[in-house]
């Protein structure tokens, strides 16, 4: 039996995994509050060690939730708006599938 997952299921799982740490949520919150790309070191504005920030930024970037580029001597980071819209739609779709009006089937 072939149990392939849909592209949307794989994408949603990747986004969820990338968002699965409080430090990454803090980074996303910080970047979402910026009016433009943030030029600077995120570890200076969040209580996270520099090496740890790099690991979390890599995970978020690999998942496509943020984008960043090195422009010596600075690095810039932004929310990847295109993928953020996709993530919003995928999370909304799965949360909206559950009918909370119905009684709990486990009772």
N, C-alpha and C. Protein backbone atom coordinates (compact mmCIF):
# COMPACT_ATOMS: atom_id res chain seq x y z
N UNK A 1 0.84 -1.18 0.00
CA UNK A 1 0.00 0.00 0.00
C UNK A 1 0.89 1.25 0.00
N UNK A 2 0.63 2.14 -0.90
CA UNK A 2 1.41 3.37 -1.04
C UNK A 2 0.80 4.45 -0.15
N UNK A 3 1.59 5.01 0.74
CA UNK A 3 1.10 6.04 1.68
C UNK A 3 1.84 7.36 1.46
N UNK A 4 1.74 7.88 0.25
CA UNK A 4 2.37 9.16 -0.03
C UNK A 4 1.59 10.29 0.63
N UNK A 5 2.31 11.28 1.08
CA UNK A 5 1.70 12.47 1.65
C UNK A 5 1.56 13.52 0.56
N UNK A 6 0.58 14.39 0.71
CA UNK A 6 0.41 15.45 -0.28
C UNK A 6 1.52 16.49 -0.09
N UNK A 7 1.71 17.28 -1.10
CA UNK A 7 2.69 18.37 -1.01
C UNK A 7 2.31 19.32 0.12
N UNK A 8 1.02 19.61 0.25
CA UNK A 8 0.57 20.50 1.33
C UNK A 8 0.84 19.90 2.70
N UNK A 9 0.63 18.60 2.86
CA UNK A 9 0.91 17.94 4.14
C UNK A 9 2.40 18.02 4.47
N UNK A 10 3.24 17.80 3.48
CA UNK A 10 4.69 17.88 3.70
C UNK A 10 5.12 19.31 4.03
N UNK A 11 4.56 20.28 3.32
CA UNK A 11 4.89 21.69 3.60
C UNK A 11 4.46 22.10 5.00
N UNK A 12 3.24 21.73 5.34
CA UNK A 12 2.71 22.09 6.67
C UNK A 12 3.57 21.47 7.77
N UNK A 13 3.97 20.23 7.59
CA UNK A 13 4.82 19.56 8.58
C UNK A 13 6.16 20.27 8.69
N UNK A 14 6.72 20.72 7.58
CA UNK A 14 8.01 21.43 7.60
C UNK A 14 7.88 22.76 8.32
N UNK A 15 6.81 23.49 8.02
CA UNK A 15 6.58 24.76 8.70
C UNK A 15 6.39 24.53 10.20
N UNK A 16 5.59 23.52 10.56
CA UNK A 16 5.31 23.24 11.97
C UNK A 16 6.59 22.84 12.70
N UNK A 17 7.42 22.04 12.07
CA UNK A 17 8.68 21.63 12.70
C UNK A 17 9.57 22.85 12.95
N UNK A 18 9.65 23.73 11.94
CA UNK A 18 10.49 24.93 12.08
C UNK A 18 9.96 25.84 13.18
N UNK A 19 8.67 25.85 13.40
CA UNK A 19 8.07 26.71 14.42
C UNK A 19 8.00 26.02 15.78
N UNK A 20 8.54 24.81 15.86
CA UNK A 20 8.39 24.00 17.06
C UNK A 20 9.35 24.28 18.20
N UNK A 21 9.85 25.49 18.29
CA UNK A 21 10.73 25.86 19.41
C UNK A 21 10.41 27.29 19.82
N UNK A 22 10.33 27.56 21.12
CA UNK A 22 9.97 28.92 21.57
C UNK A 22 10.94 30.00 21.08
N UNK A 23 12.21 29.68 20.92
CA UNK A 23 13.16 30.68 20.43
C UNK A 23 12.84 31.06 18.99
N UNK A 24 12.40 30.09 18.21
CA UNK A 24 12.06 30.39 16.81
C UNK A 24 10.79 31.22 16.74
N UNK A 25 9.86 30.96 17.64
CA UNK A 25 8.65 31.78 17.69
C UNK A 25 9.02 33.21 18.08
N UNK A 26 9.94 33.36 19.03
CA UNK A 26 10.39 34.70 19.44
C UNK A 26 11.06 35.42 18.26
N UNK A 27 11.86 34.70 17.49
CA UNK A 27 12.51 35.30 16.31
C UNK A 27 11.45 35.74 15.31
N UNK A 28 10.48 34.87 15.03
CA UNK A 28 9.42 35.22 14.09
C UNK A 28 8.61 36.41 14.59
N UNK A 29 8.28 36.43 15.89
CA UNK A 29 7.57 37.58 16.46
C UNK A 29 8.35 38.87 16.26
N UNK A 30 9.64 38.81 16.52
CA UNK A 30 10.49 39.99 16.38
C UNK A 30 10.52 40.47 14.93
N UNK A 31 10.75 39.54 14.00
CA UNK A 31 10.84 39.93 12.59
C UNK A 31 9.50 40.42 12.05
N UNK A 32 8.40 39.84 12.54
CA UNK A 32 7.08 40.26 12.08
C UNK A 32 6.76 41.69 12.52
N UNK A 33 7.39 42.18 13.59
CA UNK A 33 7.14 43.53 14.08
C UNK A 33 7.96 44.59 13.35
N UNK A 34 8.89 44.16 12.50
CA UNK A 34 9.74 45.11 11.79
C UNK A 34 9.01 45.65 10.57
N UNK A 35 9.20 46.93 10.28
CA UNK A 35 8.59 47.55 9.10
C UNK A 35 9.33 47.18 7.83
N UNK A 36 10.58 46.79 7.96
CA UNK A 36 11.38 46.38 6.82
C UNK A 36 12.34 45.31 7.30
N UNK A 37 13.20 44.86 6.42
CA UNK A 37 14.17 43.84 6.83
C UNK A 37 15.03 44.36 7.97
N UNK A 38 15.36 43.47 8.87
CA UNK A 38 16.17 43.82 10.04
C UNK A 38 17.64 43.63 9.71
N UNK A 39 18.41 44.70 9.81
CA UNK A 39 19.85 44.64 9.63
C UNK A 39 20.48 44.64 11.01
N UNK A 40 21.09 43.55 11.38
CA UNK A 40 21.73 43.51 12.68
C UNK A 40 21.81 42.10 13.21
N UNK A 41 22.23 42.00 14.44
CA UNK A 41 22.38 40.71 15.09
C UNK A 41 21.19 40.47 16.01
N UNK A 42 20.40 39.46 15.70
CA UNK A 42 19.19 39.18 16.47
C UNK A 42 19.53 38.81 17.91
N UNK A 43 20.70 38.22 18.12
CA UNK A 43 21.07 37.85 19.49
C UNK A 43 21.23 39.08 20.39
N UNK A 44 21.38 40.25 19.80
CA UNK A 44 21.49 41.48 20.60
C UNK A 44 20.14 41.98 21.10
N UNK A 45 19.06 41.58 20.41
CA UNK A 45 17.73 42.04 20.82
C UNK A 45 16.89 40.95 21.48
N UNK A 46 17.32 39.72 21.37
CA UNK A 46 16.63 38.61 22.02
C UNK A 46 17.59 37.93 22.99
N UNK A 47 17.06 37.38 24.08
CA UNK A 47 17.93 36.76 25.09
C UNK A 47 18.38 35.35 24.68
N UNK A 48 19.06 35.28 23.56
CA UNK A 48 19.50 33.99 23.02
C UNK A 48 20.97 34.11 22.65
N UNK A 49 21.75 33.07 22.95
CA UNK A 49 23.18 33.08 22.61
C UNK A 49 23.37 33.14 21.10
N UNK A 50 24.45 33.74 20.68
CA UNK A 50 24.74 33.95 19.26
C UNK A 50 24.73 32.64 18.46
N UNK A 51 25.39 31.61 18.98
CA UNK A 51 25.45 30.33 18.27
C UNK A 51 24.05 29.70 18.16
N UNK A 52 23.28 29.85 19.21
CA UNK A 52 21.92 29.30 19.21
C UNK A 52 21.04 30.04 18.21
N UNK A 53 21.18 31.34 18.14
CA UNK A 53 20.42 32.14 17.18
C UNK A 53 20.72 31.66 15.77
N UNK A 54 21.97 31.42 15.46
CA UNK A 54 22.35 30.97 14.12
C UNK A 54 21.67 29.67 13.75
N UNK A 55 21.62 28.74 14.69
CA UNK A 55 20.97 27.45 14.44
C UNK A 55 19.47 27.64 14.18
N UNK A 56 18.84 28.49 14.98
CA UNK A 56 17.40 28.72 14.82
C UNK A 56 17.11 29.47 13.52
N UNK A 57 17.93 30.44 13.17
CA UNK A 57 17.74 31.16 11.92
C UNK A 57 17.89 30.22 10.73
N UNK A 58 18.84 29.31 10.80
CA UNK A 58 19.04 28.34 9.72
C UNK A 58 17.81 27.47 9.55
N UNK A 59 17.24 27.00 10.65
CA UNK A 59 16.04 26.16 10.59
C UNK A 59 14.86 26.92 9.98
N UNK A 60 14.67 28.17 10.39
CA UNK A 60 13.58 28.98 9.85
C UNK A 60 13.80 29.30 8.38
N UNK A 61 15.04 29.55 8.02
CA UNK A 61 15.37 29.86 6.63
C UNK A 61 15.21 28.63 5.75
N UNK A 62 15.68 27.47 6.23
CA UNK A 62 15.55 26.23 5.47
C UNK A 62 14.08 25.87 5.22
N UNK A 63 13.22 26.20 6.19
CA UNK A 63 11.79 25.94 6.03
C UNK A 63 11.12 26.97 5.13
N UNK A 64 11.83 28.06 4.85
CA UNK A 64 11.28 29.10 3.98
C UNK A 64 10.44 30.13 4.70
N UNK A 65 10.43 30.11 6.03
CA UNK A 65 9.62 31.09 6.76
C UNK A 65 10.29 32.46 6.84
N UNK A 66 11.61 32.47 6.77
CA UNK A 66 12.33 33.75 6.74
C UNK A 66 13.30 33.71 5.57
N UNK A 67 13.80 34.88 5.24
CA UNK A 67 14.87 34.97 4.25
C UNK A 67 15.93 35.88 4.83
N UNK A 68 17.14 35.63 4.43
CA UNK A 68 18.24 36.43 4.94
C UNK A 68 19.37 36.44 3.94
N UNK A 69 20.15 37.48 4.02
CA UNK A 69 21.32 37.55 3.15
C UNK A 69 22.42 38.31 3.87
N UNK A 70 23.62 37.98 3.50
CA UNK A 70 24.78 38.63 4.09
C UNK A 70 25.18 39.79 3.20
N UNK A 71 25.21 40.96 3.78
CA UNK A 71 25.66 42.17 3.09
C UNK A 71 26.71 42.81 4.00
N UNK A 72 27.95 42.33 3.87
CA UNK A 72 29.00 42.76 4.81
C UNK A 72 28.96 44.26 5.07
N UNK A 73 29.10 44.65 6.32
CA UNK A 73 29.38 43.81 7.48
C UNK A 73 28.12 43.31 8.18
N UNK A 74 26.97 43.45 7.57
CA UNK A 74 25.72 43.10 8.25
C UNK A 74 25.00 41.95 7.56
N UNK A 75 24.05 41.40 8.29
CA UNK A 75 23.16 40.37 7.77
C UNK A 75 21.75 40.92 7.89
N UNK A 76 20.93 40.68 6.87
CA UNK A 76 19.55 41.15 6.97
C UNK A 76 18.61 39.95 6.99
N UNK A 77 17.55 40.08 7.77
CA UNK A 77 16.54 39.03 7.89
C UNK A 77 15.16 39.63 7.74
N UNK A 78 14.29 38.88 7.08
CA UNK A 78 12.90 39.30 6.88
C UNK A 78 12.01 38.06 6.92
N UNK A 79 10.74 38.28 7.20
CA UNK A 79 9.74 37.24 7.02
C UNK A 79 9.64 37.00 5.51
N UNK A 80 9.60 35.74 5.10
CA UNK A 80 9.39 35.41 3.70
C UNK A 80 7.87 35.48 3.47
N UNK A 81 7.40 36.60 2.97
CA UNK A 81 5.96 36.86 2.90
C UNK A 81 5.24 35.84 2.02
N UNK A 82 5.85 35.44 0.93
CA UNK A 82 5.21 34.47 0.03
C UNK A 82 4.94 33.14 0.76
N UNK A 83 5.95 32.63 1.45
CA UNK A 83 5.79 31.37 2.18
C UNK A 83 4.95 31.55 3.44
N UNK A 84 4.99 32.74 4.02
CA UNK A 84 4.18 33.01 5.21
C UNK A 84 2.70 32.92 4.86
N UNK A 85 2.33 33.44 3.69
CA UNK A 85 0.93 33.36 3.23
C UNK A 85 0.53 31.89 3.03
N UNK A 86 1.42 31.11 2.45
CA UNK A 86 1.16 29.68 2.26
C UNK A 86 0.98 29.00 3.62
N UNK A 87 1.87 29.30 4.57
CA UNK A 87 1.78 28.71 5.91
C UNK A 87 0.45 29.09 6.58
N UNK A 88 0.06 30.35 6.46
CA UNK A 88 -1.22 30.81 7.04
C UNK A 88 -2.38 30.00 6.49
N UNK A 89 -2.41 29.81 5.18
CA UNK A 89 -3.49 29.08 4.54
C UNK A 89 -3.51 27.61 4.98
N UNK A 90 -2.32 27.00 5.04
CA UNK A 90 -2.25 25.58 5.42
C UNK A 90 -2.66 25.37 6.88
N UNK A 91 -2.16 26.23 7.77
CA UNK A 91 -2.54 26.10 9.19
C UNK A 91 -4.03 26.38 9.36
N UNK A 92 -4.55 27.40 8.69
CA UNK A 92 -5.98 27.71 8.79
C UNK A 92 -6.82 26.54 8.30
N UNK A 93 -6.42 25.94 7.20
CA UNK A 93 -7.19 24.83 6.63
C UNK A 93 -7.27 23.66 7.60
N UNK A 94 -6.17 23.30 8.21
CA UNK A 94 -6.21 22.16 9.12
C UNK A 94 -6.97 22.49 10.39
N UNK A 95 -6.81 23.70 10.91
CA UNK A 95 -7.55 24.08 12.11
C UNK A 95 -9.05 24.20 11.84
N UNK A 96 -9.40 24.62 10.64
CA UNK A 96 -10.81 24.77 10.29
C UNK A 96 -11.48 23.44 9.96
N UNK A 97 -10.72 22.38 9.78
CA UNK A 97 -11.30 21.06 9.50
C UNK A 97 -12.01 20.49 10.72
N UNK A 98 -11.58 20.89 11.88
CA UNK A 98 -12.14 20.33 13.11
C UNK A 98 -13.38 21.11 13.49
N UNK A 99 -14.48 20.41 13.60
CA UNK A 99 -15.75 21.04 13.97
C UNK A 99 -15.85 21.04 15.49
N UNK A 100 -15.59 22.17 16.09
CA UNK A 100 -15.62 22.29 17.55
C UNK A 100 -17.04 22.36 18.09
N UNK A 101 -18.01 22.54 17.20
CA UNK A 101 -19.42 22.60 17.61
C UNK A 101 -19.92 21.21 18.00
N UNK A 102 -19.36 20.17 17.38
CA UNK A 102 -19.78 18.80 17.68
C UNK A 102 -19.30 18.41 19.07
N UNK A 103 -19.96 17.45 19.64
CA UNK A 103 -19.53 16.92 20.92
C UNK A 103 -18.22 16.16 20.75
N UNK A 104 -17.58 15.88 21.85
CA UNK A 104 -16.33 15.14 21.82
C UNK A 104 -16.64 13.67 21.56
N UNK A 105 -16.09 13.12 20.48
CA UNK A 105 -16.38 11.73 20.10
C UNK A 105 -15.76 10.73 21.07
N UNK A 106 -14.88 11.15 21.90
CA UNK A 106 -14.19 10.26 22.82
C UNK A 106 -14.92 10.11 24.16
N UNK A 107 -15.97 10.88 24.37
CA UNK A 107 -16.72 10.79 25.64
C UNK A 107 -17.80 9.72 25.55
